[in-house]
Amino acid sequence: MLGSEENGLVIDSLRVTFEFTKSIDNTPNKAEIRIWNLNREHREWLYGSDFRKVWLWAGYSELRLLYAGDITAVALERKELDNVIVLTCNTGDTDMREARVSTTLAAGSTANDHVKVAVASMTGTTPGQVVLPKQRPLPRGKVLSGLSRDVLSEVAAEQGADWSIQDGDLLLLPAGYVLDDQAVFLSQETGLIGAPKEIKGGGLELTCLIDPAPGLAARCG
């Protein structure tokens, strides 16, 4: 679906291809989405200023949200008889670039308070799973001023955590923590491609059919 928070255009009968990368670091997840033969009126909507968001659902037996982000560039390619719209997208792009804070918290504030202030300044991001094991109240007031992403980076560093924006949700997870969602069992029968590979520092790298959820626990069999 393309559009804004208020209006949208559902595309379910045209050819669509996509490629994106998701990670747990605090850089936007980039995507390139191609749409074949969108009519002229709808192309003009994309060139305008209102339709700046994209939501991508796909699946096999059921659809699930794979990607949500901001449209940062729109291009038109001609391939033989086809017109192909190319969308360049980033998750949380606007919030990461533009959201700012300017406030002073009284003595006794904690990491949770600092995260709340940062997220409240973001127009397209809502709190997701935020794990803050270190909640030491500060003995003095705390000045928060500048880019909201810098506030989140400071909190994450103190907590030994990574933070990211995933499909409109803020995630902040210390090393060793995973999402509360039910773990996914991966095997050749459920979509695992090839064999898992051990990676330096611990953990596994694996390839599977559609299941993009950074931070999700997985079991392999």
Protein backbone atom coordinates (compact mmCIF):
# COMPACT_ATOMS: atom_id res chain seq x y z
CA MET A 1 0.00 0.00 0.00
CA LEU A 2 1.18 3.50 -0.84
CA GLY A 3 0.07 6.76 0.73
CA SER A 4 0.00 8.69 3.96
CA GLU A 5 -1.34 7.97 7.44
CA GLU A 6 -4.79 9.19 6.31
CA ASN A 7 -5.10 8.02 2.66
CA GLY A 8 -3.72 5.11 0.73
CA LEU A 9 -3.64 3.21 -2.54
CA VAL A 10 -3.78 -0.59 -2.34
CA ILE A 11 -1.93 -2.35 -5.15
CA ASP A 12 -2.77 -6.04 -5.34
CA SER A 13 -3.24 -6.81 -9.05
CA LEU A 14 -0.04 -5.45 -10.62
CA ARG A 15 3.40 -6.99 -10.82
CA VAL A 16 5.54 -5.87 -7.87
CA THR A 17 9.13 -6.81 -7.04
CA PHE A 18 11.11 -5.76 -4.01
CA GLU A 19 14.50 -5.99 -2.37
CA PHE A 20 15.33 -4.76 1.11
CA THR A 21 17.77 -5.25 3.96
CA LYS A 22 16.95 -5.21 7.66
CA SER A 23 19.41 -5.00 10.53
CA ILE A 24 19.39 -4.21 14.25
CA ASP A 25 21.65 -1.16 13.97
CA ASN A 26 20.39 2.42 13.99
CA THR A 27 20.59 3.07 10.26
CA PRO A 28 17.42 3.08 8.13
CA ASN A 29 16.49 -0.21 6.49
CA LYS A 30 16.73 0.46 2.77
CA ALA A 31 14.36 -0.92 0.16
CA GLU A 32 13.80 -0.73 -3.58
CA ILE A 33 10.29 -1.53 -4.75
CA ARG A 34 9.28 -1.76 -8.42
CA ILE A 35 5.70 -1.52 -9.65
CA TRP A 36 4.76 -2.38 -13.23
CA ASN A 37 2.31 -0.31 -15.28
CA LEU A 38 0.82 1.91 -12.60
CA ASN A 39 -1.66 4.22 -14.32
CA ARG A 40 -0.82 7.85 -14.98
CA GLU A 41 -3.10 9.24 -12.25
CA HIS A 42 -1.55 7.07 -9.56
CA ARG A 43 1.97 7.89 -10.79
CA GLU A 44 1.15 11.56 -10.36
CA TRP A 45 0.06 10.87 -6.77
CA LEU A 46 3.50 9.42 -6.08
CA TYR A 47 5.24 12.42 -7.60
CA GLY A 48 3.22 14.68 -5.29
CA SER A 49 4.04 15.42 -1.68
CA ASP A 50 1.26 13.46 0.08
CA PHE A 51 2.08 9.84 -0.77
CA ARG A 52 5.37 9.43 1.04
CA LYS A 53 4.93 6.11 2.85
CA VAL A 54 4.86 2.48 1.78
CA TRP A 55 3.62 -0.71 3.46
CA LEU A 56 4.52 -4.04 1.86
CA TRP A 57 2.62 -7.23 2.64
CA ALA A 58 3.47 -10.62 1.17
CA GLY A 59 3.27 -14.27 2.09
CA TYR A 60 2.21 -17.74 1.10
CA SER A 61 -0.73 -19.09 3.09
CA GLU A 62 -1.31 -15.68 4.69
CA LEU A 63 -0.05 -12.14 4.22
CA ARG A 64 2.21 -10.45 6.75
CA LEU A 65 3.81 -7.04 6.91
CA LEU A 66 7.34 -7.35 5.55
CA TYR A 67 8.36 -3.72 5.31
CA ALA A 68 7.09 -0.23 6.14
CA GLY A 69 9.02 2.93 5.43
CA ASP A 70 9.29 6.39 3.96
CA ILE A 71 9.48 6.90 0.19
CA THR A 72 12.61 8.99 -0.41
CA ALA A 73 12.77 8.92 -4.22
CA VAL A 74 10.47 8.04 -7.15
CA ALA A 75 11.74 7.22 -10.64
CA LEU A 76 10.15 5.96 -13.85
CA GLU A 77 11.84 3.34 -16.02
CA ARG A 78 10.76 2.24 -19.48
CA LYS A 79 11.22 -1.47 -20.23
CA GLU A 80 10.03 -2.33 -23.73
CA LEU A 81 6.27 -1.77 -23.49
CA ASP A 82 6.16 -1.48 -19.71
CA ASN A 83 6.36 1.55 -17.43
CA VAL A 84 8.05 0.62 -14.16
CA ILE A 85 7.88 2.86 -11.11
CA VAL A 86 10.95 2.51 -8.89
CA LEU A 87 10.55 3.51 -5.25
CA THR A 88 13.59 4.08 -3.05
CA CYS A 89 12.57 3.75 0.60
CA ASN A 90 14.05 3.96 4.11
CA THR A 91 12.47 2.96 7.41
CA GLY A 92 12.16 5.84 9.85
CA ASP A 93 14.02 8.14 7.47
CA THR A 94 12.16 11.32 8.42
CA ASP A 95 12.31 10.68 12.16
CA MET A 96 16.01 9.85 12.07
CA ARG A 97 16.85 13.00 10.11
CA GLU A 98 14.47 15.54 11.57
CA ALA A 99 13.16 14.58 15.03
CA ARG A 100 14.66 16.74 17.77
CA VAL A 101 14.26 17.16 21.52
CA SER A 102 14.74 20.17 23.76
CA THR A 103 13.76 19.67 27.38
CA THR A 104 15.12 19.35 30.90
CA LEU A 105 14.09 16.45 33.12
CA ALA A 106 14.09 16.78 36.89
CA ALA A 107 16.41 14.80 39.14
CA GLY A 108 15.41 11.16 39.38
CA SER A 109 14.86 10.55 35.65
CA THR A 110 15.82 7.15 34.24
CA ALA A 111 16.76 5.69 30.87
CA ASN A 112 13.10 4.87 30.31
CA ASP A 113 12.18 8.55 30.67
CA HIS A 114 14.85 9.55 28.15
CA VAL A 115 13.58 7.03 25.60
CA LYS A 116 10.00 8.22 26.06
CA VAL A 117 11.00 11.82 25.36
CA ALA A 118 12.90 10.81 22.22
CA VAL A 119 10.08 8.68 20.81
CA ALA A 120 7.46 11.33 21.61
CA SER A 121 9.31 13.72 19.30
CA MET A 122 8.98 11.31 16.35
CA THR A 123 5.92 11.60 14.13
CA GLY A 124 6.15 8.20 12.43
CA THR A 125 7.59 5.96 15.14
CA THR A 126 5.88 4.28 18.09
CA PRO A 127 7.43 2.37 21.02
CA GLY A 128 8.02 -1.29 20.25
CA GLN A 129 9.97 -3.64 22.49
CA VAL A 130 12.33 -1.61 24.66
CA VAL A 131 14.44 -3.48 27.24
CA LEU A 132 16.32 -1.29 29.72
CA PRO A 133 17.91 -3.44 32.45
CA LYS A 134 19.85 -0.50 33.93
CA GLN A 135 17.39 1.93 35.51
CA ARG A 136 19.51 4.04 37.83
CA PRO A 137 17.72 7.31 38.73
CA LEU A 138 19.94 10.30 38.02
CA PRO A 139 20.84 12.40 41.11
CA ARG A 140 20.59 15.63 39.09
CA GLY A 141 18.46 17.07 36.32
CA LYS A 142 19.08 15.87 32.76
CA VAL A 143 19.17 18.19 29.73
CA LEU A 144 18.04 16.54 26.50
CA SER A 145 18.79 18.71 23.49
CA GLY A 146 19.53 17.86 19.87
CA LEU A 147 18.60 15.06 17.49
CA SER A 148 16.37 12.41 19.01
CA ARG A 149 18.47 9.67 17.46
CA ASP A 150 21.47 10.89 19.46
CA VAL A 151 19.46 10.55 22.69
CA LEU A 152 18.58 6.96 21.75
CA SER A 153 22.19 6.19 20.85
CA GLU A 154 23.35 7.49 24.24
CA VAL A 155 20.82 5.33 26.09
CA ALA A 156 21.70 2.29 23.98
CA ALA A 157 25.41 2.72 24.70
CA GLU A 158 24.73 2.90 28.44
CA GLN A 159 22.59 -0.24 28.25
CA GLY A 160 24.96 -2.23 26.02
CA ALA A 161 22.13 -2.39 23.49
CA ASP A 162 21.27 -1.85 19.84
CA TRP A 163 18.39 0.33 18.74
CA SER A 164 16.59 0.47 15.43
CA ILE A 165 13.31 1.42 13.82
CA GLN A 166 11.55 -1.61 12.36
CA ASP A 167 8.42 -0.96 10.29
CA GLY A 168 7.51 2.07 12.40
CA ASP A 169 8.34 0.55 15.79
CA LEU A 170 11.32 1.47 17.96
CA LEU A 171 13.29 -1.56 19.15
CA LEU A 172 16.00 -1.29 21.81
CA LEU A 173 17.46 -4.63 22.83
CA PRO A 174 20.63 -5.37 24.82
CA ALA A 175 22.97 -8.09 23.55
CA GLY A 176 21.48 -11.52 24.14
CA TYR A 177 17.86 -10.33 24.17
CA VAL A 178 15.33 -11.30 21.50
CA LEU A 179 11.81 -10.21 20.69
CA ASP A 180 8.96 -11.52 22.81
CA ASP A 181 7.31 -12.99 19.71
CA GLN A 182 7.07 -16.77 19.49
CA ALA A 183 10.27 -18.30 18.10
CA VAL A 184 10.23 -19.41 14.47
CA PHE A 185 11.15 -23.03 13.71
CA LEU A 186 13.15 -23.23 10.50
CA SER A 187 13.82 -26.40 8.55
CA GLN A 188 13.86 -27.36 4.90
CA GLU A 189 10.14 -28.03 5.20
CA THR A 190 9.38 -24.57 6.66
CA GLY A 191 11.55 -22.45 4.37
CA LEU A 192 15.21 -22.87 5.40
CA ILE A 193 17.50 -22.62 2.36
CA GLY A 194 20.82 -24.43 2.65
CA ALA A 195 22.56 -25.01 5.97
CA PRO A 196 23.14 -22.43 8.76
CA LYS A 197 26.65 -20.96 9.00
CA GLU A 198 28.39 -20.04 12.24
CA ILE A 199 29.44 -16.40 12.42
CA LYS A 200 32.31 -14.79 14.31
CA GLY A 201 31.31 -13.71 17.80
CA GLY A 202 28.62 -16.35 18.15
CA GLY A 203 25.35 -16.99 16.42
CA LEU A 204 24.25 -18.32 13.05
CA GLU A 205 23.74 -16.85 9.61
CA LEU A 206 20.98 -18.45 7.61
CA THR A 207 18.83 -17.93 4.53
CA CYS A 208 15.12 -18.63 4.50
CA LEU A 209 11.95 -17.83 2.64
CA ILE A 210 9.96 -14.75 3.63
CA ASP A 211 10.39 -14.13 7.36
CA PRO A 212 12.16 -10.77 7.87
CA ALA A 213 12.08 -9.88 11.56
CA PRO A 214 15.36 -8.66 13.11
CA GLY A 215 15.61 -9.67 16.75
CA LEU A 216 13.25 -12.63 16.39
CA ALA A 217 14.33 -15.92 17.98
CA ALA A 218 14.72 -18.88 15.62
CA ARG A 219 15.21 -22.60 16.07
CA CYS A 220 16.74 -24.67 13.27
CA GLY A 221 16.10 -28.30 12.61
